[in-house]
Protein backbone atom coordinates (compact mmCIF):
# COMPACT_ATOMS: atom_id res chain seq x y z
CA UNK A 1 -166.14 209.26 72.85
CA UNK A 2 -169.18 208.36 74.96
CA UNK A 3 -172.08 207.26 72.72
CA UNK A 4 -175.19 209.46 72.89
CA UNK A 5 -178.14 208.27 74.92
CA UNK A 6 -180.90 207.26 72.53
CA UNK A 7 -184.31 208.41 73.74
CA UNK A 8 -185.62 207.82 70.22
CA UNK A 9 -184.43 204.61 68.55
CA UNK A 10 -182.97 206.22 65.42
CA UNK A 11 -179.25 206.51 64.72
CA UNK A 12 -176.51 206.50 62.10
CA UNK A 13 -173.56 204.17 62.60
CA UNK A 14 -170.26 205.57 61.37
CA UNK A 15 -167.47 203.06 60.85
CA UNK A 16 -164.35 205.15 61.38
CA UNK A 17 -162.12 202.14 60.78
CA UNK A 18 -163.65 201.74 57.31
CA UNK A 19 -163.25 205.47 56.69
CA UNK A 20 -159.59 205.28 57.65
CA UNK A 21 -159.10 202.25 55.40
CA UNK A 22 -160.69 204.12 52.50
CA UNK A 23 -158.29 207.03 52.93
CA UNK A 24 -155.39 204.58 53.00
CA UNK A 25 -156.77 202.90 49.88
CA UNK A 26 -156.63 206.26 48.11
CA UNK A 27 -153.04 206.68 49.27
CA UNK A 28 -152.22 203.28 47.80
CA UNK A 29 -153.52 204.40 44.39
CA UNK A 30 -151.23 207.40 44.05
CA UNK A 31 -147.45 207.92 44.01
CA UNK A 32 -145.75 207.92 47.41
CA UNK A 33 -144.67 211.51 46.80
CA UNK A 34 -148.30 212.61 46.33
CA UNK A 35 -150.28 213.66 49.38
CA UNK A 36 -153.92 213.21 50.33
CA UNK A 37 -156.17 216.07 51.42
CA UNK A 38 -159.50 214.53 52.49
CA UNK A 39 -162.50 216.72 51.76
CA UNK A 40 -164.48 216.98 55.00
CA UNK A 41 -166.96 219.68 53.97
CA UNK A 42 -170.67 219.44 54.83
CA UNK A 43 -169.80 218.10 58.27
CA UNK A 44 -167.59 215.44 56.74
CA UNK A 45 -170.27 214.33 54.26
CA UNK A 46 -172.54 213.85 57.24
CA UNK A 47 -170.30 211.68 59.41
CA UNK A 48 -168.83 214.54 61.47
CA UNK A 49 -165.95 216.64 60.20
CA UNK A 50 -163.95 216.62 63.42
CA UNK A 51 -164.31 212.90 63.94
CA UNK A 52 -163.32 212.26 60.33
CA UNK A 53 -160.25 214.48 60.54
CA UNK A 54 -159.13 213.00 63.85
CA UNK A 55 -159.51 209.48 62.47
CA UNK A 56 -156.97 209.98 59.67
CA UNK A 57 -154.74 212.93 60.58
CA UNK A 58 -151.91 210.62 61.63
CA UNK A 59 -151.73 208.78 58.29
CA UNK A 60 -148.40 209.61 56.60
CA UNK A 61 -150.09 210.56 53.33
CA UNK A 62 -152.57 213.03 54.84
CA UNK A 63 -151.28 216.59 54.49
CA UNK A 64 -154.40 218.45 55.59
CA UNK A 65 -158.12 218.86 55.01
CA UNK A 66 -160.38 220.69 52.59
CA UNK A 67 -163.69 222.32 53.50
CA UNK A 68 -166.22 224.55 51.76
CA UNK A 69 -166.93 227.36 54.23
CA UNK A 70 -165.11 229.54 56.78
CA UNK A 71 -167.21 228.11 59.60
CA UNK A 72 -166.17 224.58 58.71
CA UNK A 73 -162.50 225.58 58.74
CA UNK A 74 -162.72 227.35 62.08
CA UNK A 75 -164.56 224.40 63.62
CA UNK A 76 -161.63 222.15 62.69
CA UNK A 77 -159.10 224.63 64.07
CA UNK A 78 -160.96 225.06 67.35
CA UNK A 79 -161.25 221.28 67.54
CA UNK A 80 -157.48 220.89 67.56
CA UNK A 81 -156.81 220.18 63.88
CA UNK A 82 -153.50 221.95 63.28
CA UNK A 83 -152.74 220.54 59.84
CA UNK A 84 -153.28 222.55 56.65
CA UNK A 85 -156.93 223.50 56.14
CA UNK A 86 -158.05 224.81 52.76
CA UNK A 87 -161.38 226.57 52.21
CA UNK A 88 -162.35 225.63 48.66
CA UNK A 89 -165.07 228.22 48.15
CA UNK A 90 -164.91 232.01 47.75
CA UNK A 91 -165.02 234.00 50.99
CA UNK A 92 -165.69 237.60 51.95
CA UNK A 93 -163.12 240.15 53.08
CA UNK A 94 -164.25 239.76 56.70
CA UNK A 95 -164.00 235.99 56.50
CA UNK A 96 -160.56 236.22 54.88
CA UNK A 97 -159.29 238.16 57.88
CA UNK A 98 -160.59 235.58 60.36
CA UNK A 99 -159.19 232.71 58.32
CA UNK A 100 -155.74 234.28 58.02
CA UNK A 101 -155.72 234.79 61.78
CA UNK A 102 -156.40 231.07 62.16
CA UNK A 103 -153.73 230.08 59.64
CA UNK A 104 -156.30 228.71 57.20
CA UNK A 105 -155.52 228.69 53.48
CA UNK A 106 -157.71 230.67 51.08
CA UNK A 107 -158.89 229.67 47.63
CA UNK A 108 -158.62 232.71 45.36
CA UNK A 109 -161.08 232.34 42.50
CA UNK A 110 -161.42 235.96 41.38
CA UNK A 111 -159.64 239.30 41.32
CA UNK A 112 -161.92 240.35 44.19
CA UNK A 113 -160.87 237.28 46.14
CA UNK A 114 -157.23 238.24 45.71
CA UNK A 115 -157.95 241.74 46.98
CA UNK A 116 -159.60 240.19 50.05
CA UNK A 117 -156.48 238.10 50.69
CA UNK A 118 -154.23 241.16 50.35
CA UNK A 119 -156.47 243.12 52.72
CA UNK A 120 -156.41 240.28 55.24
CA UNK A 121 -152.63 240.16 55.14
CA UNK A 122 -152.39 243.91 55.76
CA UNK A 123 -155.03 243.84 58.49
CA UNK A 124 -153.45 240.97 60.42
CA UNK A 125 -149.78 241.37 59.61
CA UNK A 126 -149.74 237.63 58.99
CA UNK A 127 -148.95 235.86 55.73
CA UNK A 128 -152.08 234.99 53.80
CA UNK A 129 -151.74 231.51 52.33
CA UNK A 130 -153.50 231.36 48.98
CA UNK A 131 -154.39 228.70 46.41
CA UNK A 132 -155.27 230.09 42.99
CA UNK A 133 -158.38 228.39 41.59
CA UNK A 134 -158.17 228.13 37.79
CA UNK A 135 -161.35 227.96 35.69
CA UNK A 136 -160.84 225.13 33.21
CA UNK A 137 -164.40 224.19 32.29
CA UNK A 138 -166.47 223.70 35.43
CA UNK A 139 -168.20 227.03 34.81
CA UNK A 140 -168.66 227.78 38.49
CA UNK A 141 -165.86 229.83 40.06
CA UNK A 142 -162.24 230.34 39.12
CA UNK A 143 -159.72 232.70 37.59
CA UNK A 144 -159.98 232.74 33.81
CA UNK A 145 -156.60 232.17 32.15
CA UNK A 146 -155.57 235.49 30.65
CA UNK A 147 -156.06 238.97 32.17
CA UNK A 148 -157.77 237.70 35.35
CA UNK A 149 -154.97 235.27 36.13
CA UNK A 150 -152.33 237.87 35.24
CA UNK A 151 -153.86 240.35 37.70
CA UNK A 152 -153.77 237.74 40.46
CA UNK A 153 -150.14 236.90 39.68
CA UNK A 154 -149.18 240.57 39.92
CA UNK A 155 -150.59 240.63 43.45
CA UNK A 156 -148.48 237.60 44.34
CA UNK A 157 -145.38 239.39 43.07
CA UNK A 158 -146.11 242.31 45.38
CA UNK A 159 -145.23 240.23 48.45
CA UNK A 160 -147.01 239.50 51.73
CA UNK A 161 -148.86 236.53 50.33
CA UNK A 162 -147.75 232.92 50.55
CA UNK A 163 -148.34 231.18 47.22
CA UNK A 164 -149.26 227.83 48.69
CA UNK A 165 -151.13 226.27 45.79
CA UNK A 166 -152.86 226.34 42.44
CA UNK A 167 -155.75 224.04 41.56
CA UNK A 168 -158.76 223.28 39.43
CA UNK A 169 -161.84 221.08 39.64
CA UNK A 170 -163.13 218.53 37.15
CA UNK A 171 -166.80 218.57 36.21
CA UNK A 172 -167.23 215.22 34.40
CA UNK A 173 -164.20 213.13 35.30
CA UNK A 174 -166.54 210.26 36.15
CA UNK A 175 -168.13 210.06 32.69
CA UNK A 176 -166.34 212.12 29.99
CA UNK A 177 -162.65 211.45 29.33
CA UNK A 178 -162.26 213.82 26.39
CA UNK A 179 -163.65 216.81 28.29
CA UNK A 180 -161.60 216.00 31.39
CA UNK A 181 -158.38 215.70 29.39
CA UNK A 182 -159.25 219.09 27.89
CA UNK A 183 -159.66 220.58 31.37
CA UNK A 184 -156.30 219.16 32.39
CA UNK A 185 -154.69 220.66 29.30
CA UNK A 186 -156.05 224.13 30.17
CA UNK A 187 -154.75 223.70 33.71
CA UNK A 188 -151.30 222.66 32.52
CA UNK A 189 -151.16 225.70 30.23
CA UNK A 190 -152.01 227.91 33.22
CA UNK A 191 -149.27 226.25 35.27
CA UNK A 192 -146.74 226.98 32.54
CA UNK A 193 -147.89 230.59 32.44
CA UNK A 194 -147.48 230.89 36.21
CA UNK A 195 -144.02 229.34 36.19
CA UNK A 196 -143.10 231.60 33.28
CA UNK A 197 -143.67 234.53 35.63
CA UNK A 198 -141.10 233.10 38.02
CA UNK A 199 -143.72 231.85 40.49
CA UNK A 200 -143.82 228.31 41.77
CA UNK A 201 -146.57 227.13 44.13
CA UNK A 202 -145.89 224.62 46.85
CA UNK A 203 -148.82 222.46 45.70
CA UNK A 204 -150.54 221.73 42.40
CA UNK A 205 -153.77 219.77 42.78
CA UNK A 206 -156.70 218.77 40.60
CA UNK A 207 -157.91 215.21 41.26
CA UNK A 208 -161.26 214.64 42.91
CA UNK A 209 -162.54 211.10 43.58
CA UNK A 210 -163.08 210.36 39.89
CA UNK A 211 -159.73 211.86 38.97
CA UNK A 212 -158.00 209.69 41.55
CA UNK A 213 -159.63 206.53 40.20
CA UNK A 214 -159.41 207.16 36.46
CA UNK A 215 -156.73 209.75 35.68
CA UNK A 216 -153.29 209.06 37.18
CA UNK A 217 -151.89 212.04 35.29
CA UNK A 218 -154.01 214.35 37.49
CA UNK A 219 -152.57 213.22 40.83
CA UNK A 220 -149.87 215.95 40.92
CA UNK A 221 -148.76 217.07 44.42
CA UNK A 222 -151.87 216.01 46.32
CA UNK A 223 -155.36 214.69 45.64
CA UNK A 224 -158.70 215.72 47.12
CA UNK A 225 -160.86 212.63 47.72
CA UNK A 226 -164.49 213.20 48.59
CA UNK A 227 -167.28 210.67 48.14
CA UNK A 228 -164.94 207.72 47.62
CA UNK A 229 -163.57 207.87 51.17
CA UNK A 230 -167.13 207.87 52.53
CA UNK A 231 -167.90 204.55 50.89
CA UNK A 232 -169.35 205.31 47.45
CA UNK A 233 -168.03 205.67 43.92
CA UNK A 234 -168.71 208.85 41.92
CA UNK A 235 -170.17 206.75 39.09
CA UNK A 236 -171.10 203.10 38.55
CA UNK A 237 -168.52 202.88 35.77
CA UNK A 238 -165.80 203.35 38.39
CA UNK A 239 -166.98 200.65 40.79
CA UNK A 240 -164.36 198.02 41.40
CA UNK A 241 -161.44 200.37 40.74
CA UNK A 242 -160.59 200.23 44.45
CA UNK A 243 -161.65 198.17 47.49
CA UNK A 244 -163.80 200.87 49.06
CA UNK A 245 -165.78 200.01 52.20
CA UNK A 246 -169.15 201.43 53.27
CA UNK A 247 -168.88 203.88 56.15
CA UNK A 248 -172.45 204.82 57.11
CA UNK A 249 -175.43 202.72 58.18
CA UNK A 250 -178.81 204.21 59.06
CA UNK A 251 -180.91 202.31 61.57
CA UNK A 252 -184.04 202.54 63.69
CA UNK A 253 -186.39 200.26 65.61
CA UNK A 254 -190.03 199.42 65.01
CA UNK A 255 -192.19 201.64 67.22
CA UNK A 256 -195.70 200.34 66.47
CA UNK A 257 -197.28 197.23 64.93
CA UNK A 258 -200.91 196.64 64.04
CA UNK A 259 -202.93 194.09 62.12
CA UNK A 260 -205.33 195.69 59.60
CA UNK A 261 -208.04 194.34 57.28
CA UNK A 262 -208.13 194.68 53.51
CA UNK A 263 -209.22 198.14 52.39
CA UNK A 264 -207.30 200.05 55.07
CA UNK A 265 -205.86 203.39 53.94
CA UNK A 266 -202.33 204.14 55.09
CA UNK A 267 -200.77 207.56 55.60
CA UNK A 268 -201.22 211.10 54.32
CA UNK A 269 -203.12 211.38 51.07
CA UNK A 270 -204.42 207.80 51.35
CA UNK A 271 -201.86 206.82 48.71
CA UNK A 272 -201.76 203.18 49.82
CA UNK A 273 -204.69 200.89 50.51
CA UNK A 274 -204.19 197.34 51.73
CA UNK A 275 -205.48 194.72 49.31
CA UNK A 276 -205.54 191.86 51.82
CA UNK A 277 -205.37 191.56 55.61
CA UNK A 278 -201.81 192.49 56.58
CA UNK A 279 -199.56 193.91 59.28
CA UNK A 280 -198.36 197.51 59.21
CA UNK A 281 -195.20 198.37 61.14
CA UNK A 282 -194.35 201.99 61.93
CA UNK A 283 -190.77 203.25 62.18
CA UNK A 284 -189.98 206.57 63.95
CA UNK A 285 -187.88 208.14 61.20
CA UNK A 286 -188.92 210.45 58.38
CA UNK A 287 -187.90 213.16 55.98
CA UNK A 288 -186.98 215.54 58.81
CA UNK A 289 -184.22 213.04 59.57
CA UNK A 290 -182.96 213.18 56.00
CA UNK A 291 -184.72 210.14 54.58
CA UNK A 292 -186.09 211.32 51.22
CA UNK A 293 -189.85 211.84 51.03
CA UNK A 294 -189.66 210.96 47.35
CA UNK A 295 -189.11 207.33 48.41
CA UNK A 296 -192.74 207.16 49.48
CA UNK A 297 -194.17 203.98 48.03
CA UNK A 298 -190.92 202.88 46.41
CA UNK A 299 -188.31 202.57 49.14
CA UNK A 300 -187.29 199.41 50.97
CA UNK A 301 -185.85 198.62 54.40
CA UNK A 302 -184.53 195.52 56.13
CA UNK A 303 -186.05 193.88 59.21
CA UNK A 304 -184.60 190.61 60.48
CA UNK A 305 -182.62 190.35 57.25
CA UNK A 306 -185.68 190.58 54.99
CA UNK A 307 -186.69 193.41 52.63
CA UNK A 308 -189.99 195.19 53.25
CA UNK A 309 -191.58 197.99 51.23
CA UNK A 310 -192.36 201.47 52.48
CA UNK A 311 -196.08 202.10 52.04
CA UNK A 312 -197.98 205.36 52.11
CA UNK A 313 -196.07 208.59 52.29
CA UNK A 314 -192.86 209.07 54.21
CA UNK A 315 -193.93 211.44 56.98
CA UNK A 316 -191.84 214.10 58.65
CA UNK A 317 -191.01 211.86 61.61
CA UNK A 318 -192.36 208.40 60.78
CA UNK A 319 -192.83 205.88 57.99
CA UNK A 320 -194.86 202.71 57.55
CA UNK A 321 -193.96 199.23 56.29
CA UNK A 322 -196.20 196.48 55.00
CA UNK A 323 -194.74 193.33 56.57
CA UNK A 324 -197.52 190.97 55.50
CA UNK A 325 -198.04 188.11 57.91
CA UNK A 326 -194.46 188.06 59.16
CA UNK A 327 -193.73 188.14 62.87
CA UNK A 328 -192.37 191.69 63.15
CA UNK A 329 -192.45 193.18 66.65
CA UNK A 330 -191.98 196.50 68.40
CA UNK A 331 -188.27 197.00 69.03
CA UNK A 332 -187.10 195.04 65.97
CA UNK A 333 -184.06 196.53 64.26
CA UNK A 334 -184.81 198.36 61.00
CA UNK A 335 -181.96 198.99 58.56
CA UNK A 336 -182.55 201.78 56.06
CA UNK A 337 -178.91 201.88 54.89
CA UNK A 338 -176.51 199.07 55.67
CA UNK A 339 -176.53 195.31 56.16
CA UNK A 340 -178.69 192.94 58.16
CA UNK A 341 -177.65 189.31 57.84
CA UNK A 342 -176.98 188.55 54.18
CA UNK A 343 -179.11 191.45 52.92
CA UNK A 344 -177.76 194.93 52.18
CA UNK A 345 -179.18 198.29 51.14
CA UNK A 346 -176.37 200.63 50.12
CA UNK A 347 -176.44 204.40 50.16
CA UNK A 348 -176.17 204.17 46.38
CA UNK A 349 -179.31 201.99 46.29
CA UNK A 350 -181.20 204.66 48.22
CA UNK A 351 -179.80 207.44 46.04
CA UNK A 352 -180.65 205.66 42.80
CA UNK A 353 -184.22 204.99 43.88
CA UNK A 354 -184.55 208.63 44.96
CA UNK A 355 -183.14 209.87 41.66
CA UNK A 356 -180.14 211.56 43.24
CA UNK A 357 -176.54 210.86 44.29
CA UNK A 358 -174.97 209.35 47.39
CA UNK A 359 -173.49 212.73 48.30
CA UNK A 360 -176.98 214.18 48.85
CA UNK A 361 -178.18 211.25 50.94
CA UNK A 362 -175.15 211.35 53.24
CA UNK A 363 -174.99 215.12 53.67
CA UNK A 364 -178.75 215.26 54.13
CA UNK A 365 -178.75 213.19 57.32
CA UNK A 366 -180.19 215.57 59.89
CA UNK A 367 -178.40 216.80 62.97
CA UNK A 368 -181.09 215.24 65.14
CA UNK A 369 -179.97 211.77 64.03
CA UNK A 370 -177.26 210.73 66.54
CA UNK A 371 -174.01 209.41 65.11
CA UNK A 372 -172.68 206.28 66.80
CA UNK A 373 -168.98 205.90 66.03
CA UNK A 374 -167.46 202.48 65.52
CA UNK A 375 -163.69 202.05 65.52
């Protein structure tokens, strides 16, 4: 793939080799009979869903890909991804029809969702592949064990639908073992109920990144890794459980440098005033690029391997650094996420300072930030 031409010196580096290694690392943590379905929703956590899928589709453990929306699924199909694609979220009747036409698997999380799948099968004359989503304690979407699940199973008995899978999702697998074990128990009870009706899905799946790392009993027929394959752990308590490599670096170049006297106000709101003569360097990246505005006055970047503070407010398209008396020049490389020499700022560092999670930082990288792929 030809790298984009950079008219503005701002870009995200995506290490596809590291991404591929992370997926293989997940495969090494699970039984050989268990598959891997990488979650590539939200444009592959910001790195590019198609590029992510193409980078790992040939790995023996990879059985397909999971996304959140119909559009994401159809983008993969039109991009030549012929493996199994599962839409994890609820979809409308109209979307169900388009997805069945494309051979995409549907997550059925309600009685209404099952009726959409049945309608799509009748409309297209094609088998609708469904995965029943069981509510076990997430409190978001899912079939409640009992009458709701029974109604869905009756529809499966009626024919025309391909019972491809049954799954659930853990809400606190990264921090609460007792609750997670309880969720698994509810799921296992639902599986027994399903099998008691003479139905057997092709796949049973439950493990997200935290489940993969901490709960071997949840690995089942395939696992659904998300944040861990993009270079971060779902919680600090799980760090070190696997040799995960960072995938994304965010970089720019200094666009302006000026020497200012003490008492100079910097940026919107005059939130920073220099206390001594110093040098202010401007970088052409801001919150419109996905760098959190809440890091105003508390974020850090690397220039020539040294940490410098963000001063003043992060603007929509620019930010300012106080580099003191150091010899920083226009065109110098600025690392907002990644390594420069022996110094590193991880996506988790940025997320922690911003009071959020790595998922939000990665998926928040704007479309206008070019991705440069390294392999």
